[in-house]
């Protein structure tokens, strides 16, 4: 049986590796794998809009079923910030350490540190557009901890755990994370 191929609109090797681990029955191709090196402008105001922008861009380039995702960290006491601005929270350079430092500074002295990671996957196949959402609730740690994962993983403690995503083994994170939950919904759809 040949592997089905999915084209995924990301140049982020961490995300690509995570998705490949979650979808071993598929051949996952990223932007570099198909020779696309240009930046896709993510100027949407929601995670859904950004995911759709990237998936449409990819579909137009490949004329193949195309996937994209956008993920935001939404902190309750900050009204859902950084949200759609998660990657660029501390500036255009997308520096994860600066992003985390800014967030920790904003939460300094706050008792309510509850938050959620939310991932929205968009699948575009011609005129068909579908969305798959995954959410994991948790809280923001007092300080960075751990060396696994990427982005805000060193400061996010998922509900039911005492350790950050960056402290947890990737096999655990890849089953409980926001991205894993969205991917599971995608798999359920693809396997109908």
Protein backbone atom coordinates (compact mmCIF):
# COMPACT_ATOMS: atom_id res chain seq x y z
CA UNK A 1 0.00 0.00 0.00
CA UNK A 2 1.44 3.37 -0.99
CA UNK A 3 1.59 6.18 1.49
CA UNK A 4 -0.81 9.06 0.92
CA UNK A 5 0.95 12.41 0.59
CA UNK A 6 -0.09 15.58 2.37
CA UNK A 7 1.49 18.95 1.66
CA UNK A 8 1.90 21.06 4.77
CA UNK A 9 2.43 24.83 4.61
CA UNK A 10 5.28 25.23 7.05
CA UNK A 11 8.97 25.93 6.92
CA UNK A 12 9.22 25.33 10.68
CA UNK A 13 11.20 22.09 11.04
CA UNK A 14 9.95 21.57 14.62
CA UNK A 15 6.29 21.67 13.52
CA UNK A 16 7.02 19.49 10.50
CA UNK A 17 8.77 16.88 12.64
CA UNK A 18 5.90 16.90 15.15
CA UNK A 19 3.30 16.46 12.40
CA UNK A 20 5.32 13.65 10.77
CA UNK A 21 5.47 11.83 14.12
CA UNK A 22 1.72 12.22 14.56
CA UNK A 23 0.90 11.06 11.02
CA UNK A 24 3.28 8.15 10.33
CA UNK A 25 0.87 6.64 7.80
CA UNK A 26 1.22 9.71 5.56
CA UNK A 27 4.11 11.17 3.63
CA UNK A 28 4.26 14.77 4.85
CA UNK A 29 5.95 17.34 2.65
CA UNK A 30 6.86 20.80 3.92
CA UNK A 31 7.46 23.95 1.91
CA UNK A 32 11.16 23.23 1.37
CA UNK A 33 10.35 19.68 0.19
CA UNK A 34 8.35 21.10 -2.70
CA UNK A 35 10.78 23.93 -3.48
CA UNK A 36 8.81 26.81 -1.96
CA UNK A 37 11.11 29.19 -0.08
CA UNK A 38 9.12 32.39 -0.04
CA UNK A 39 7.54 33.70 3.14
CA UNK A 40 3.77 33.48 3.30
CA UNK A 41 2.37 36.69 4.73
CA UNK A 42 0.18 35.84 7.70
CA UNK A 43 -1.90 38.99 8.05
CA UNK A 44 -5.12 37.41 9.31
CA UNK A 45 -6.73 38.59 12.51
CA UNK A 46 -7.56 35.07 13.74
CA UNK A 47 -5.84 31.70 13.81
CA UNK A 48 -8.45 30.43 11.34
CA UNK A 49 -7.65 33.22 8.86
CA UNK A 50 -3.90 32.65 9.05
CA UNK A 51 -4.26 28.88 8.63
CA UNK A 52 -6.50 29.43 5.60
CA UNK A 53 -4.14 31.98 4.02
CA UNK A 54 -1.26 29.49 4.14
CA UNK A 55 -3.29 26.47 2.98
CA UNK A 56 -4.80 28.43 0.04
CA UNK A 57 -1.36 29.69 -0.95
CA UNK A 58 -0.05 26.13 -0.97
CA UNK A 59 -3.04 24.76 -2.88
CA UNK A 60 -2.56 27.43 -5.56
CA UNK A 61 1.12 26.40 -5.86
CA UNK A 62 0.57 22.63 -5.93
CA UNK A 63 -3.05 22.00 -6.92
CA UNK A 64 -2.94 19.24 -4.28
CA UNK A 65 -4.85 18.91 -1.00
CA UNK A 66 -3.01 21.36 1.24
CA UNK A 67 -2.77 21.72 4.98
CA UNK A 68 -1.72 24.53 7.21
CA UNK A 69 -2.05 25.30 10.85
CA UNK A 70 -1.80 28.28 13.10
CA UNK A 71 -1.33 28.04 16.82
CA UNK A 72 -1.83 30.60 19.52
CA UNK A 73 -1.17 30.72 23.23
CA UNK A 74 -4.18 32.39 24.83
CA UNK A 75 -3.73 33.66 28.40
CA UNK A 76 -7.01 34.23 30.25
CA UNK A 77 -6.00 37.21 32.41
CA UNK A 78 -4.53 38.93 29.31
CA UNK A 79 -7.80 38.67 27.37
CA UNK A 80 -6.47 35.90 25.13
CA UNK A 81 -3.09 37.46 24.36
CA UNK A 82 -0.74 36.76 22.71
CA UNK A 83 -3.22 34.78 20.56
CA UNK A 84 -2.78 35.34 16.83
CA UNK A 85 0.43 37.28 17.62
CA UNK A 86 2.04 34.38 19.53
CA UNK A 87 5.11 33.97 17.29
CA UNK A 88 5.81 37.72 17.08
CA UNK A 89 4.74 38.68 20.60
CA UNK A 90 8.05 40.40 21.44
CA UNK A 91 8.84 41.53 17.89
CA UNK A 92 9.20 40.58 14.23
CA UNK A 93 12.32 38.50 14.87
CA UNK A 94 10.13 35.74 16.38
CA UNK A 95 12.53 35.07 19.24
CA UNK A 96 10.98 32.43 21.53
CA UNK A 97 13.04 33.42 24.59
CA UNK A 98 12.10 37.10 24.22
CA UNK A 99 8.45 36.10 23.71
CA UNK A 100 8.46 34.04 26.91
CA UNK A 101 10.28 36.73 28.88
CA UNK A 102 7.74 39.34 27.80
CA UNK A 103 4.83 37.08 28.79
CA UNK A 104 6.37 36.17 32.15
CA UNK A 105 6.96 39.88 32.85
CA UNK A 106 3.31 40.70 32.02
CA UNK A 107 2.15 37.95 34.40
CA UNK A 108 4.49 38.95 37.22
CA UNK A 109 2.46 39.08 40.44
CA UNK A 110 -0.70 37.71 38.81
CA UNK A 111 -2.39 34.81 40.64
CA UNK A 112 -4.46 33.65 37.66
CA UNK A 113 -2.00 32.09 35.21
CA UNK A 114 -4.54 29.93 33.38
CA UNK A 115 -4.09 29.67 29.63
CA UNK A 116 -4.65 27.46 26.65
CA UNK A 117 -2.83 26.52 23.51
CA UNK A 118 -5.16 26.44 20.52
CA UNK A 119 -4.30 25.01 17.11
CA UNK A 120 -6.42 25.41 14.00
CA UNK A 121 -5.61 23.24 10.98
CA UNK A 122 -7.02 24.27 7.61
CA UNK A 123 -7.40 21.77 4.78
CA UNK A 124 -7.95 23.22 1.31
CA UNK A 125 -8.84 20.96 -1.59
CA UNK A 126 -10.23 23.02 -4.45
CA UNK A 127 -13.32 24.84 -3.22
CA UNK A 128 -13.49 22.63 -0.13
CA UNK A 129 -12.19 24.29 3.05
CA UNK A 130 -12.25 22.47 6.38
CA UNK A 131 -11.02 23.37 9.86
CA UNK A 132 -9.89 21.12 12.70
CA UNK A 133 -9.32 22.65 16.14
CA UNK A 134 -7.35 21.34 19.09
CA UNK A 135 -7.16 22.94 22.53
CA UNK A 136 -5.17 22.05 25.62
CA UNK A 137 -5.79 23.93 28.86
CA UNK A 138 -3.08 24.62 31.39
CA UNK A 139 -1.23 27.43 33.12
CA UNK A 140 1.85 29.55 32.65
CA UNK A 141 4.80 28.53 34.84
CA UNK A 142 6.65 31.06 37.01
CA UNK A 143 9.88 30.46 35.07
CA UNK A 144 11.21 28.60 32.04
CA UNK A 145 11.97 24.90 32.47
CA UNK A 146 12.92 22.03 30.19
CA UNK A 147 14.73 21.52 26.91
CA UNK A 148 12.22 19.56 24.80
CA UNK A 149 9.78 21.13 22.36
CA UNK A 150 9.87 24.67 20.99
CA UNK A 151 8.15 28.04 21.23
CA UNK A 152 6.44 28.57 24.59
CA UNK A 153 6.80 24.92 25.68
CA UNK A 154 9.23 25.83 28.53
CA UNK A 155 6.56 27.91 30.31
CA UNK A 156 3.31 26.00 29.59
CA UNK A 157 2.15 23.39 32.10
CA UNK A 158 -0.75 21.32 30.71
CA UNK A 159 -3.64 20.45 33.03
CA UNK A 160 -3.04 17.17 34.84
CA UNK A 161 0.76 17.58 34.84
CA UNK A 162 3.30 19.32 37.07
CA UNK A 163 5.88 19.78 34.33
CA UNK A 164 6.05 22.07 31.32
CA UNK A 165 5.68 20.76 27.77
CA UNK A 166 9.47 21.25 27.51
CA UNK A 167 10.01 18.95 30.53
CA UNK A 168 7.72 16.22 29.18
CA UNK A 169 8.94 13.56 26.80
CA UNK A 170 7.86 14.28 23.23
CA UNK A 171 5.89 11.01 23.16
CA UNK A 172 3.66 12.40 25.93
CA UNK A 173 3.39 15.87 24.42
CA UNK A 174 2.56 14.43 21.00
CA UNK A 175 -0.48 12.65 22.45
CA UNK A 176 -1.91 15.40 24.69
CA UNK A 177 -1.01 18.65 22.92
CA UNK A 178 -3.28 21.08 21.10
CA UNK A 179 -1.65 20.12 17.80
CA UNK A 180 -2.14 16.41 18.53
CA UNK A 181 -5.83 17.00 19.24
CA UNK A 182 -6.33 18.94 16.01
CA UNK A 183 -4.39 16.31 14.05
CA UNK A 184 -6.55 13.53 15.54
CA UNK A 185 -9.67 15.28 14.19
CA UNK A 186 -7.93 15.63 10.82
CA UNK A 187 -7.02 11.91 10.79
CA UNK A 188 -10.59 10.95 11.67
CA UNK A 189 -11.76 12.98 8.68
CA UNK A 190 -9.11 11.61 6.29
CA UNK A 191 -9.86 8.03 7.29
CA UNK A 192 -13.64 8.29 6.70
